[in-house]
C-alpha atoms as a PDB file:
ATOM      1  CA  TYR A   1       6.126  93.326  13.297  1.00  0.00           C
ATOM      2  CA  PRO A   2       7.499  93.356   9.743  1.00  0.00           C
ATOM      3  CA  PHE A   3       8.921  90.115   8.324  1.00  0.00           C
ATOM      4  CA  CYS A   4       7.753  87.830  11.144  1.00  0.00           C
ATOM      5  CA  THR A   5       6.015  85.887   8.370  1.00  0.00           C
ATOM      6  CA  ILE A   6       8.395  85.055   5.533  1.00  0.00           C
ATOM      7  CA  GLU A   7       6.878  81.948   3.963  1.00  0.00           C
ATOM      8  CA  PRO A   8       3.087  82.016   3.546  1.00  0.00           C
ATOM      9  CA  ASN A   9       1.202  80.038   6.198  1.00  0.00           C
ATOM     10  CA  LYS A  10      -1.477  77.916   4.528  1.00  0.00           C
ATOM     11  CA  ALA A  11      -4.577  76.581   6.255  1.00  0.00           C
ATOM     12  CA  ILE A  12      -7.525  74.529   5.023  1.00  0.00           C
ATOM     13  CA  VAL A  13     -10.488  75.720   7.076  1.00  0.00           C
ATOM     14  CA  PRO A  14     -13.894  74.027   7.431  1.00  0.00           C
ATOM     15  CA  VAL A  15     -16.815  76.300   6.531  1.00  0.00           C
ATOM     16  CA  PRO A  16     -19.125  76.347   9.588  1.00  0.00           C
ATOM     17  CA  ASP A  17     -22.626  75.268   8.511  1.00  0.00           C
ATOM     18  CA  ARG A  18     -25.288  74.525  11.118  1.00  0.00           C
ATOM     19  CA  ARG A  19     -27.446  72.910   8.459  1.00  0.00           C
ATOM     20  CA  LEU A  20     -25.114  69.895   8.430  1.00  0.00           C
ATOM     21  CA  GLU A  21     -25.622  69.403  12.154  1.00  0.00           C
ATOM     22  CA  GLU A  22     -29.406  69.575  11.705  1.00  0.00           C
ATOM     23  CA  LEU A  23     -29.238  66.991   8.903  1.00  0.00           C
ATOM     24  CA  ALA A  24     -27.056  64.774  11.109  1.00  0.00           C
ATOM     25  CA  LYS A  25     -29.700  64.825  13.887  1.00  0.00           C
ATOM     26  CA  ILE A  26     -32.108  63.140  11.450  1.00  0.00           C
ATOM     27  CA  VAL A  27     -29.703  60.804   9.611  1.00  0.00           C
ATOM     28  CA  ASN A  28     -27.297  59.867  12.471  1.00  0.00           C
ATOM     29  CA  PRO A  29     -24.256  59.505  10.172  1.00  0.00           C
ATOM     30  CA  GLN A  30     -20.860  58.107  11.146  1.00  0.00           C
ATOM     31  CA  LYS A  31     -19.262  61.453  10.316  1.00  0.00           C
ATOM     32  CA  ILE A  32     -19.932  64.996   9.107  1.00  0.00           C
ATOM     33  CA  GLN A  33     -17.835  66.508   6.316  1.00  0.00           C
ATOM     34  CA  TYR A  34     -17.866  70.297   5.873  1.00  0.00           C
ATOM     35  CA  SER A  35     -16.960  72.388   2.829  1.00  0.00           C
ATOM     36  CA  THR A  36     -13.495  73.910   3.145  1.00  0.00           C
ATOM     37  CA  LEU A  37     -11.770  77.165   2.274  1.00  0.00           C
ATOM     38  CA  ASP A  38      -8.031  77.688   1.740  1.00  0.00           C
ATOM     39  CA  PHE A  39      -6.463  80.628   3.574  1.00  0.00           C
ATOM     40  CA  VAL A  40      -2.934  81.826   2.842  1.00  0.00           C
ATOM     41  CA  ASP A  41      -1.450  84.100   5.504  1.00  0.00           C
ATOM     42  CA  ILE A  42       0.945  86.375   3.620  1.00  0.00           C
ATOM     43  CA  ALA A  43       3.371  88.734   5.317  1.00  0.00           C
ATOM     44  CA  GLY A  44       2.248  92.363   5.437  1.00  0.00           C
ATOM     45  CA  LEU A  45       3.653  94.494   2.622  1.00  0.00           C
ATOM     46  CA  VAL A  46       5.891  97.444   3.436  1.00  0.00           C
ATOM     47  CA  LYS A  47       6.323 100.640   1.437  1.00  0.00           C
ATOM     48  CA  GLY A  48       8.394  99.927  -1.655  1.00  0.00           C
ATOM     49  CA  ALA A  49       7.324  96.266  -1.961  1.00  0.00           C
ATOM     50  CA  SER A  50       6.497  96.797  -5.640  1.00  0.00           C
ATOM     51  CA  LYS A  51      10.134  97.879  -6.141  1.00  0.00           C
ATOM     52  CA  GLY A  52      11.365  94.813  -4.259  1.00  0.00           C
ATOM     53  CA  GLU A  53      11.721  96.365  -0.779  1.00  0.00           C
ATOM     54  CA  GLY A  54      11.860  93.607   1.812  1.00  0.00           C
ATOM     55  CA  PRO A  55      10.855  90.328   0.169  1.00  0.00           C
ATOM     56  CA  GLY A  56       8.355  92.452  -1.782  1.00  0.00           C
ATOM     57  CA  ASN A  57       8.193  90.724  -5.152  1.00  0.00           C
ATOM     58  CA  LYS A  58       7.833  87.323  -3.536  1.00  0.00           C
ATOM     59  CA  PHE A  59       4.942  88.512  -1.377  1.00  0.00           C
ATOM     60  CA  LEU A  60       3.269  90.089  -4.401  1.00  0.00           C
ATOM     61  CA  SER A  61       3.496  86.790  -6.297  1.00  0.00           C
ATOM     62  CA  ASN A  62       1.931  85.037  -3.272  1.00  0.00           C
ATOM     63  CA  ILE A  63      -1.006  87.470  -3.481  1.00  0.00           C
ATOM     64  CA  ARG A  64      -1.319  86.890  -7.240  1.00  0.00           C
ATOM     65  CA  GLU A  65      -2.089  83.214  -6.562  1.00  0.00           C
ATOM     66  CA  THR A  66      -5.114  84.021  -4.373  1.00  0.00           C
ATOM     67  CA  GLU A  67      -8.682  84.748  -5.466  1.00  0.00           C
ATOM     68  CA  VAL A  68      -9.792  87.174  -2.723  1.00  0.00           C
ATOM     69  CA  ILE A  69      -7.639  89.490  -0.600  1.00  0.00           C
ATOM     70  CA  LEU A  70      -8.510  89.673   3.097  1.00  0.00           C
ATOM     71  CA  HIS A  71      -6.858  92.728   4.629  1.00  0.00           C
ATOM     72  CA  ILE A  72      -6.669  92.710   8.444  1.00  0.00           C
ATOM     73  CA  VAL A  73      -6.483  96.335   9.606  1.00  0.00           C
ATOM     74  CA  ARG A  74      -5.752  97.559  13.133  1.00  0.00           C
ATOM     75  CA  CYS A  75      -8.575  99.685  14.529  1.00  0.00           C
ATOM     76  CA  PHE A  76      -7.734  99.970  18.247  1.00  0.00           C
ATOM     77  CA  GLU A  77      -5.403 101.891  20.546  1.00  0.00           C
ATOM     78  CA  ASP A  78      -3.000 100.068  22.886  1.00  0.00           C
ATOM     79  CA  ASP A  79       0.310 101.572  23.971  1.00  0.00           C
ATOM     80  CA  ASN A  80       1.634  98.088  24.768  1.00  0.00           C
ATOM     81  CA  ILE A  81       1.314  96.949  21.144  1.00  0.00           C
ATOM     82  CA  VAL A  82       3.654  98.778  18.792  1.00  0.00           C
ATOM     83  CA  HIS A  83       2.474  99.824  15.315  1.00  0.00           C
ATOM     84  CA  THR A  84       5.157  99.731  12.613  1.00  0.00           C
ATOM     85  CA  GLU A  85       4.149 103.214  11.400  1.00  0.00           C
ATOM     86  CA  GLY A  86       4.155 104.641  14.932  1.00  0.00           C
ATOM     87  CA  SER A  87       0.448 105.561  15.080  1.00  0.00           C
ATOM     88  CA  ILE A  88      -3.019 104.102  14.482  1.00  0.00           C
ATOM     89  CA  ASP A  89      -4.495 105.085  11.119  1.00  0.00           C
ATOM     90  CA  PRO A  90      -6.389 102.323   9.269  1.00  0.00           C
ATOM     91  CA  LEU A  91      -6.859 104.325   6.059  1.00  0.00           C
ATOM     92  CA  ARG A  92      -3.116 105.018   5.847  1.00  0.00           C
ATOM     93  CA  ASP A  93      -2.419 101.319   6.432  1.00  0.00           C
ATOM     94  CA  VAL A  94      -4.883 100.322   3.707  1.00  0.00           C
ATOM     95  CA  GLU A  95      -3.378 102.917   1.358  1.00  0.00           C
ATOM     96  CA  ILE A  96       0.158 101.525   1.879  1.00  0.00           C
ATOM     97  CA  ILE A  97      -0.976  98.055   0.832  1.00  0.00           C
ATOM     98  CA  GLU A  98      -3.221  99.147  -2.004  1.00  0.00           C
ATOM     99  CA  THR A  99      -0.638 101.582  -3.394  1.00  0.00           C
ATOM    100  CA  GLU A 100       1.875  98.740  -3.607  1.00  0.00           C
ATOM    101  CA  LEU A 101      -0.674  96.574  -5.405  1.00  0.00           C
ATOM    102  CA  ILE A 102      -1.514  99.426  -7.807  1.00  0.00           C
ATOM    103  CA  LEU A 103       2.196 100.063  -8.522  1.00  0.00           C
ATOM    104  CA  ALA A 104       2.727  96.354  -9.201  1.00  0.00           C
ATOM    105  CA  ASP A 105      -0.214  96.407 -11.654  1.00  0.00           C
ATOM    106  CA  ILE A 106       1.169  99.526 -13.361  1.00  0.00           C
ATOM    107  CA  GLU A 107       4.529  97.793 -13.832  1.00  0.00           C
ATOM    108  CA  VAL A 108       3.113  94.633 -15.465  1.00  0.00           C
ATOM    109  CA  LEU A 109       0.663  96.689 -17.546  1.00  0.00           C
ATOM    110  CA  SER A 110       3.467  98.988 -18.706  1.00  0.00           C
ATOM    111  CA  ASN A 111       5.414  95.954 -19.995  1.00  0.00           C
ATOM    112  CA  ARG A 112       2.268  94.675 -21.724  1.00  0.00           C
ATOM    113  CA  ILE A 113       1.712  98.089 -23.382  1.00  0.00           C
ATOM    114  CA  ASP A 114       5.250  97.978 -24.852  1.00  0.00           C
ATOM    115  CA  ARG A 115       4.446  94.625 -26.498  1.00  0.00           C
ATOM    116  CA  LEU A 116       1.008  95.801 -27.642  1.00  0.00           C
ATOM    117  CA  LYS A 117       2.536  98.823 -29.396  1.00  0.00           C
ATOM    118  CA  LYS A 118       4.565  96.469 -31.591  1.00  0.00           C
ATOM    119  CA  GLN A 119       1.603  94.159 -32.242  1.00  0.00           C
ATOM    120  CA  ALA A 120      -0.802  97.022 -33.000  1.00  0.00           C
ATOM    121  CA  LYS A 121       1.109  97.924 -36.196  1.00  0.00           C
ATOM    122  CA  ALA A 122      -0.153  94.737 -37.835  1.00  0.00           C
ATOM    123  CA  ASP A 123      -3.131  93.686 -35.727  1.00  0.00           C
ATOM    124  CA  LYS A 124      -6.351  95.727 -35.355  1.00  0.00           C
ATOM    125  CA  SER A 125      -7.535  93.811 -32.255  1.00  0.00           C
ATOM    126  CA  ALA A 126      -4.202  94.570 -30.548  1.00  0.00           C
ATOM    127  CA  LYS A 127      -4.810  98.264 -31.296  1.00  0.00           C
ATOM    128  CA  ALA A 128      -8.157  98.166 -29.419  1.00  0.00           C
ATOM    129  CA  THR A 129      -6.509  96.392 -26.477  1.00  0.00           C
ATOM    130  CA  LEU A 130      -3.673  98.934 -26.500  1.00  0.00           C
ATOM    131  CA  GLU A 131      -6.128 101.848 -26.310  1.00  0.00           C
ATOM    132  CA  LEU A 132      -7.885 100.262 -23.336  1.00  0.00           C
ATOM    133  CA  ALA A 133      -4.558  99.446 -21.629  1.00  0.00           C
ATOM    134  CA  GLN A 134      -3.424 103.073 -21.974  1.00  0.00           C
ATOM    135  CA  GLU A 135      -6.716 104.279 -20.509  1.00  0.00           C
ATOM    136  CA  LEU A 136      -6.398 101.785 -17.654  1.00  0.00           C
ATOM    137  CA  ILE A 137      -2.813 102.715 -16.777  1.00  0.00           C
ATOM    138  CA  GLU A 138      -3.881 106.362 -16.372  1.00  0.00           C
ATOM    139  CA  PHE A 139      -6.756 105.219 -14.163  1.00  0.00           C
ATOM    140  CA  LEU A 140      -4.346 103.204 -11.982  1.00  0.00           C
ATOM    141  CA  ALA A 141      -1.847 106.072 -11.870  1.00  0.00           C
ATOM    142  CA  ASP A 142      -4.556 108.222 -10.269  1.00  0.00           C
ATOM    143  CA  GLY A 143      -4.582 105.778  -7.315  1.00  0.00           C
ATOM    144  CA  ASN A 144      -7.614 103.737  -8.377  1.00  0.00           C
ATOM    145  CA  LEU A 145      -8.096  99.976  -8.143  1.00  0.00           C
ATOM    146  CA  ALA A 146      -8.542  98.127 -11.446  1.00  0.00           C
ATOM    147  CA  ARG A 147     -11.789  96.601 -10.155  1.00  0.00           C
ATOM    148  CA  ASN A 148     -13.349 100.105 -10.148  1.00  0.00           C
ATOM    149  CA  PHE A 149     -12.479 100.717 -13.831  1.00  0.00           C
ATOM    150  CA  ASP A 150     -15.663 101.270 -15.862  1.00  0.00           C
ATOM    151  CA  LYS A 151     -14.704  98.887 -18.701  1.00  0.00           C
ATOM    152  CA  THR A 152     -14.025  95.650 -16.784  1.00  0.00           C
ATOM    153  CA  ASP A 153     -16.798  93.900 -18.737  1.00  0.00           C
ATOM    154  CA  THR A 154     -15.242  94.519 -22.187  1.00  0.00           C
ATOM    155  CA  ASP A 155     -13.545  91.734 -24.163  1.00  0.00           C
ATOM    156  CA  GLU A 156     -10.295  93.726 -24.226  1.00  0.00           C
ATOM    157  CA  TYR A 157     -10.197  94.107 -20.441  1.00  0.00           C
ATOM    158  CA  ILE A 158     -11.114  90.453 -19.803  1.00  0.00           C
ATOM    159  CA  GLN A 159      -8.342  89.339 -22.161  1.00  0.00           C
ATOM    160  CA  LEU A 160      -5.834  91.690 -20.495  1.00  0.00           C
ATOM    161  CA  ASN A 161      -6.792  90.502 -17.021  1.00  0.00           C
ATOM    162  CA  ASN A 162      -6.507  86.853 -18.072  1.00  0.00           C
ATOM    163  CA  GLU A 163      -2.962  87.534 -19.275  1.00  0.00           C
ATOM    164  CA  VAL A 164      -1.809  89.855 -16.477  1.00  0.00           C
ATOM    165  CA  ARG A 165      -4.080  88.886 -13.532  1.00  0.00           C
ATOM    166  CA  PHE A 166      -4.298  92.367 -12.007  1.00  0.00           C
ATOM    167  CA  LEU A 167      -3.830  92.355  -8.253  1.00  0.00           C
ATOM    168  CA  THR A 168      -6.274  95.240  -7.833  1.00  0.00           C
ATOM    169  CA  GLN A 169      -8.981  93.409  -9.818  1.00  0.00           C
ATOM    170  CA  LYS A 170      -9.320  90.880  -7.006  1.00  0.00           C
ATOM    171  CA  GLU A 171     -12.188  91.039  -4.538  1.00  0.00           C
ATOM    172  CA  ILE A 172     -11.130  92.676  -1.269  1.00  0.00           C
ATOM    173  CA  MET A 173     -12.460  92.105   2.244  1.00  0.00           C
ATOM    174  CA  TYR A 174     -11.407  94.182   5.238  1.00  0.00           C
ATOM    175  CA  GLY A 175     -11.100  92.720   8.720  1.00  0.00           C
ATOM    176  CA  ALA A 176     -11.345  95.562  11.233  1.00  0.00           C
ATOM    177  CA  ASN A 177      -9.346  94.304  14.229  1.00  0.00           C
ATOM    178  CA  VAL A 178     -10.813  96.030  17.323  1.00  0.00           C
ATOM    179  CA  ASP A 179     -10.542  95.686  21.095  1.00  0.00           C
ATOM    180  CA  GLU A 180     -13.390  94.115  23.109  1.00  0.00           C
ATOM    181  CA  ASP A 181     -15.225  97.443  23.501  1.00  0.00           C
ATOM    182  CA  GLY A 182     -15.080  97.946  19.748  1.00  0.00           C
ATOM    183  CA  LEU A 183     -17.090  94.774  19.057  1.00  0.00           C
ATOM    184  CA  LEU A 184     -20.358  96.440  20.077  1.00  0.00           C
ATOM    185  CA  ASP A 185     -19.732 100.109  19.298  1.00  0.00           C
ATOM    186  CA  ASP A 186     -18.037 101.280  16.103  1.00  0.00           C
ATOM    187  CA  ASN A 187     -15.109 103.533  16.978  1.00  0.00           C
ATOM    188  CA  ASP A 188     -13.905 106.301  14.652  1.00  0.00           C
ATOM    189  CA  TYR A 189     -11.277 104.006  13.090  1.00  0.00           C
ATOM    190  CA  VAL A 190     -13.930 101.438  12.173  1.00  0.00           C
ATOM    191  CA  LYS A 191     -16.252 104.131  10.813  1.00  0.00           C
ATOM    192  CA  ALA A 192     -13.468 105.469   8.572  1.00  0.00           C
ATOM    193  CA  LEU A 193     -12.674 101.985   7.299  1.00  0.00           C
ATOM    194  CA  MET A 194     -16.381 101.273   6.728  1.00  0.00           C
ATOM    195  CA  SER A 195     -16.680 104.388   4.539  1.00  0.00           C
ATOM    196  CA  HIS A 196     -13.656 103.295   2.508  1.00  0.00           C
ATOM    197  CA  ALA A 197     -15.048  99.747   2.119  1.00  0.00           C
ATOM    198  CA  LYS A 198     -18.446 101.065   1.034  1.00  0.00           C
ATOM    199  CA  ALA A 199     -16.893 103.449  -1.512  1.00  0.00           C
ATOM    200  CA  ASN A 200     -14.990 100.518  -3.061  1.00  0.00           C
ATOM    201  CA  ASN A 201     -17.879  98.042  -2.838  1.00  0.00           C
ATOM    202  CA  CYS A 202     -15.964  95.796  -0.413  1.00  0.00           C
ATOM    203  CA  GLU A 203     -17.061  93.679   2.545  1.00  0.00           C
ATOM    204  CA  LEU A 204     -16.008  94.611   6.072  1.00  0.00           C
ATOM    205  CA  VAL A 205     -15.979  92.249   9.064  1.00  0.00           C
ATOM    206  CA  LYS A 206     -15.313  93.414  12.594  1.00  0.00           C
ATOM    207  CA  LEU A 207     -13.318  91.078  14.819  1.00  0.00           C
ATOM    208  CA  CYS A 208     -11.222  91.147  17.974  1.00  0.00           C
ATOM    209  CA  ALA A 209      -8.075  89.028  17.602  1.00  0.00           C
ATOM    210  CA  LYS A 210      -7.804  88.754  21.392  1.00  0.00           C
ATOM    211  CA  VAL A 211     -11.342  87.315  21.641  1.00  0.00           C
ATOM    212  CA  GLU A 212     -10.710  84.952  18.705  1.00  0.00           C
ATOM    213  CA  GLU A 213      -7.632  83.637  20.514  1.00  0.00           C
ATOM    214  CA  GLU A 214      -9.676  82.966  23.651  1.00  0.00           C
ATOM    215  CA  LEU A 215     -12.370  81.174  21.617  1.00  0.00           C
ATOM    216  CA  VAL A 216      -9.862  78.666  20.197  1.00  0.00           C
ATOM    217  CA  GLY A 217      -9.646  76.641  23.415  1.00  0.00           C
ATOM    218  CA  LEU A 218     -13.398  76.567  24.161  1.00  0.00           C
ATOM    219  CA  GLU A 219     -15.982  73.874  23.474  1.00  0.00           C
ATOM    220  CA  ASP A 220     -18.850  74.877  21.147  1.00  0.00           C
ATOM    221  CA  ASP A 221     -21.325  75.529  23.985  1.00  0.00           C
ATOM    222  CA  GLU A 222     -18.781  77.547  25.961  1.00  0.00           C
ATOM    223  CA  ALA A 223     -17.840  79.574  22.880  1.00  0.00           C
ATOM    224  CA  LYS A 224     -21.507  80.327  22.154  1.00  0.00           C
ATOM    225  CA  GLU A 225     -22.054  81.470  25.754  1.00  0.00           C
ATOM    226  CA  PHE A 226     -18.884  83.596  25.658  1.00  0.00           C
ATOM    227  CA  LEU A 227     -20.012  85.339  22.442  1.00  0.00           C
ATOM    228  CA  GLU A 228     -23.491  85.943  23.883  1.00  0.00           C
ATOM    229  CA  GLU A 229     -21.920  87.637  26.912  1.00  0.00           C
ATOM    230  CA  LEU A 230     -20.076  89.938  24.509  1.00  0.00           C
ATOM    231  CA  GLY A 231     -23.340  90.595  22.646  1.00  0.00           C
ATOM    232  CA  VAL A 232     -22.085  88.988  19.444  1.00  0.00           C
ATOM    233  CA  GLU A 233     -23.883  86.240  17.471  1.00  0.00           C
ATOM    234  CA  GLU A 234     -20.992  84.845  15.441  1.00  0.00           C
ATOM    235  CA  SER A 235     -17.212  84.982  15.860  1.00  0.00           C
ATOM    236  CA  GLY A 236     -15.269  87.274  13.539  1.00  0.00           C
ATOM    237  CA  LEU A 237     -13.419  84.329  11.998  1.00  0.00           C
ATOM    238  CA  ASP A 238     -16.673  82.505  11.211  1.00  0.00           C
ATOM    239  CA  GLN A 239     -18.003  85.673   9.563  1.00  0.00           C
ATOM    240  CA  ILE A 240     -14.816  85.960   7.498  1.00  0.00           C
ATOM    241  CA  ILE A 241     -15.093  82.311   6.397  1.00  0.00           C
ATOM    242  CA  HIS A 242     -18.766  82.693   5.389  1.00  0.00           C
ATOM    243  CA  LYS A 243     -18.233  85.982   3.558  1.00  0.00           C
ATOM    244  CA  GLY A 244     -15.066  84.694   1.908  1.00  0.00           C
ATOM    245  CA  PHE A 245     -16.938  81.610   0.681  1.00  0.00           C
ATOM    246  CA  ASP A 246     -19.627  83.874  -0.762  1.00  0.00           C
ATOM    247  CA  LYS A 247     -17.086  86.294  -2.315  1.00  0.00           C
ATOM    248  CA  LEU A 248     -15.495  83.357  -4.119  1.00  0.00           C
ATOM    249  CA  GLY A 249     -18.890  82.665  -5.696  1.00  0.00           C
ATOM    250  CA  LEU A 250     -19.164  79.332  -3.891  1.00  0.00           C
ATOM    251  CA  MET A 251     -22.022  77.463  -2.241  1.00  0.00           C
ATOM    252  CA  SER A 252     -22.755  73.958  -0.932  1.00  0.00           C
ATOM    253  CA  TYR A 253     -25.149  71.160  -1.709  1.00  0.00           C
ATOM    254  CA  PHE A 254     -25.532  68.165   0.604  1.00  0.00           C
ATOM    255  CA  THR A 255     -25.582  64.396   0.503  1.00  0.00           C
ATOM    256  CA  ALA A 256     -27.071  62.724   3.588  1.00  0.00           C
ATOM    257  CA  GLY A 257     -26.487  59.023   4.271  1.00  0.00           C
ATOM    258  CA  VAL A 258     -25.630  56.781   7.217  1.00  0.00           C
ATOM    259  CA  LYS A 259     -21.919  56.829   6.339  1.00  0.00           C
ATOM    260  CA  GLU A 260     -21.671  60.612   6.194  1.00  0.00           C
ATOM    261  CA  VAL A 261     -23.546  63.861   5.929  1.00  0.00           C
ATOM    262  CA  ARG A 262     -21.444  65.952   3.600  1.00  0.00           C
ATOM    263  CA  ALA A 263     -21.294  69.409   2.044  1.00  0.00           C
ATOM    264  CA  TRP A 264     -19.981  69.530  -1.529  1.00  0.00           C
ATOM    265  CA  THR A 265     -18.510  72.801  -2.775  1.00  0.00           C
ATOM    266  CA  ILE A 266     -19.641  74.151  -6.144  1.00  0.00           C
ATOM    267  CA  ARG A 267     -19.790  77.499  -7.881  1.00  0.00           C
ATOM    268  CA  LYS A 268     -23.107  79.328  -7.902  1.00  0.00           C
ATOM    269  CA  GLN A 269     -25.275  78.589 -10.984  1.00  0.00           C
ATOM    270  CA  THR A 270     -23.727  75.127 -11.447  1.00  0.00           C
ATOM    271  CA  THR A 271     -25.886  72.610 -13.342  1.00  0.00           C
ATOM    272  CA  ALA A 272     -26.712  69.202 -11.850  1.00  0.00           C
ATOM    273  CA  PRO A 273     -24.251  67.163 -14.016  1.00  0.00           C
ATOM    274  CA  LYS A 274     -21.365  69.532 -13.144  1.00  0.00           C
ATOM    275  CA  ALA A 275     -22.337  69.344  -9.466  1.00  0.00           C
ATOM    276  CA  ALA A 276     -22.325  65.529  -9.731  1.00  0.00           C
ATOM    277  CA  ALA A 277     -18.784  65.639 -11.169  1.00  0.00           C
ATOM    278  CA  VAL A 278     -17.542  67.081  -7.857  1.00  0.00           C
ATOM    279  CA  ILE A 279     -18.294  63.682  -6.309  1.00  0.00           C
ATOM    280  CA  HIS A 280     -16.908  61.674  -9.260  1.00  0.00           C
ATOM    281  CA  ASN A 281     -16.350  62.362 -12.967  1.00  0.00           C
ATOM    282  CA  ASP A 282     -18.364  59.230 -13.837  1.00  0.00           C
ATOM    283  CA  PHE A 283     -21.427  60.829 -12.235  1.00  0.00           C
ATOM    284  CA  GLU A 284     -21.299  63.589 -14.855  1.00  0.00           C
ATOM    285  CA  LYS A 285     -20.477  61.272 -17.786  1.00  0.00           C
ATOM    286  CA  GLY A 286     -23.385  58.936 -17.103  1.00  0.00           C
ATOM    287  CA  PHE A 287     -25.763  61.482 -15.580  1.00  0.00           C
ATOM    288  CA  ILE A 288     -29.427  60.484 -15.905  1.00  0.00           C
ATOM    289  CA  ARG A 289     -31.163  62.717 -13.378  1.00  0.00           C
ATOM    290  CA  ALA A 290     -30.881  64.103  -9.853  1.00  0.00           C
ATOM    291  CA  GLU A 291     -33.190  63.440  -6.922  1.00  0.00           C
ATOM    292  CA  VAL A 292     -33.508  66.760  -5.110  1.00  0.00           C
ATOM    293  CA  ILE A 293     -35.017  67.750  -1.758  1.00  0.00           C
ATOM    294  CA  SER A 294     -34.560  71.305  -0.502  1.00  0.00           C
ATOM    295  CA  TYR A 295     -32.865  71.551   2.901  1.00  0.00           C
ATOM    296  CA  GLU A 296     -35.986  73.168   4.417  1.00  0.00           C
ATOM    297  CA  ASP A 297     -38.237  70.346   3.168  1.00  0.00           C
ATOM    298  CA  PHE A 298     -35.797  67.656   4.315  1.00  0.00           C
ATOM    299  CA  ILE A 299     -35.819  69.069   7.871  1.00  0.00           C
ATOM    300  CA  ALA A 300     -39.578  69.806   7.951  1.00  0.00           C
ATOM    301  CA  CYS A 301     -40.440  66.276   6.759  1.00  0.00           C
ATOM    302  CA  GLY A 302     -37.995  64.560   9.125  1.00  0.00           C
ATOM    303  CA  GLY A 303     -35.785  63.121   6.404  1.00  0.00           C
ATOM    304  CA  GLU A 304     -35.784  61.599   2.931  1.00  0.00           C
ATOM    305  CA  ASN A 305     -38.696  59.179   3.357  1.00  0.00           C
ATOM    306  CA  GLY A 306     -40.921  61.848   4.906  1.00  0.00           C
ATOM    307  CA  ALA A 307     -40.054  64.242   2.079  1.00  0.00           C
ATOM    308  CA  LYS A 308     -40.885  61.586  -0.539  1.00  0.00           C
ATOM    309  CA  ASP A 309     -44.222  60.815   1.162  1.00  0.00           C
ATOM    310  CA  ALA A 310     -45.063  64.528   1.212  1.00  0.00           C
ATOM    311  CA  GLY A 311     -44.225  64.851  -2.500  1.00  0.00           C
ATOM    312  CA  LYS A 312     -41.282  67.141  -1.774  1.00  0.00           C
ATOM    313  CA  MET A 313     -38.654  65.148  -3.666  1.00  0.00           C
ATOM    314  CA  ARG A 314     -38.156  66.342  -7.250  1.00  0.00           C
ATOM    315  CA  LEU A 315     -36.476  64.675 -10.227  1.00  0.00           C
ATOM    316  CA  GLU A 316     -34.324  67.210 -12.065  1.00  0.00           C
ATOM    317  CA  GLY A 317     -32.526  66.913 -15.416  1.00  0.00           C
ATOM    318  CA  LYS A 318     -29.321  68.183 -17.002  1.00  0.00           C
ATOM    319  CA  GLU A 319     -30.409  71.825 -17.159  1.00  0.00           C
ATOM    320  CA  TYR A 320     -31.227  72.134 -13.445  1.00  0.00           C
ATOM    321  CA  GLU A 321     -29.198  74.774 -11.583  1.00  0.00           C
ATOM    322  CA  VAL A 322     -28.364  73.444  -8.139  1.00  0.00           C
ATOM    323  CA  GLN A 323     -29.534  75.651  -5.259  1.00  0.00           C
ATOM    324  CA  ASP A 324     -27.622  76.301  -2.049  1.00  0.00           C
ATOM    325  CA  GLY A 325     -28.599  73.648   0.497  1.00  0.00           C
ATOM    326  CA  ASP A 326     -30.159  71.138  -1.916  1.00  0.00           C
ATOM    327  CA  VAL A 327     -30.006  67.576  -0.563  1.00  0.00           C
ATOM    328  CA  MET A 328     -29.191  65.419  -3.583  1.00  0.00           C
ATOM    329  CA  HIS A 329     -28.816  61.892  -4.940  1.00  0.00           C
ATOM    330  CA  PHE A 330     -27.593  61.332  -8.493  1.00  0.00           C
ATOM    331  CA  ARG A 331     -28.795  58.620 -10.837  1.00  0.00           C
ATOM    332  CA  PHE A 332     -26.182  57.690 -13.413  1.00  0.00           C
ATOM    333  CA  ASN A 333     -25.187  54.897 -15.752  1.00  0.00           C
ATOM    334  CA  VAL A 334     -21.653  54.380 -17.074  1.00  0.00           C
END
């Protein structure tokens, strides 16, 4: 129903990672600390949001603050559950949202073009940016997302995006909300949405909101058994969390001690000193080197001592790019 959500609902969600549980079996820590992901549940946009229909502008500003857009799309029939548009059509629903985002981008870009026209009279670099902006606004006006523009890697585009933060430049994920039968077999709605996702280089996750609701009250073993009965390996929400984490360009490294086994969140291709700073800034300032054991070696050797004895612990310096799942200790001196 429209406008049931007015203020965004925010949630900090642990990123499920079985590797932490396997590490904990060896280390027996007092607690396990997972990486987390922030989700912001924003009210669905209605037609005309870009012109301020409903609380449109406010919702658009909420979206601007996020890094990845997750679009939950209805892909099932049920006469008992009303659809605001009166029928089930996932591509139409996606188009309503994306059109509003495109129109919002056109509006901010149009204002930027007006300023660039004045600047371009005296500034050559502004002239190059203006030419790109005019090309981009035509591209958007044809119903395209900014992220599909063929010049997103140019200095002019990067500068424009830093200033404007295009809504349609953001990564998009689609959550195809199906009924229980739709979890195993792709219905026509899901197939249509899959084609759209593929054409726009977007991720798609299939989930059943009804099943997810039932999973909430179950213990881990019961939930696993329930999913197996449905023929599904991982819940839709867990898939969304994992893919969202990946879309954000994030990964985890681990520390494993008796107090806690913990996942630390870093961006991919982060060097060891920057990874150390996530624990404490002093670790980066006084970084000497990192002791590194890969997750696979840590498990295979039965822990840190076994890995050391087998020669699987490495000493890495400032240039080392941390790998997903590295188990690390940092040596530092401040």
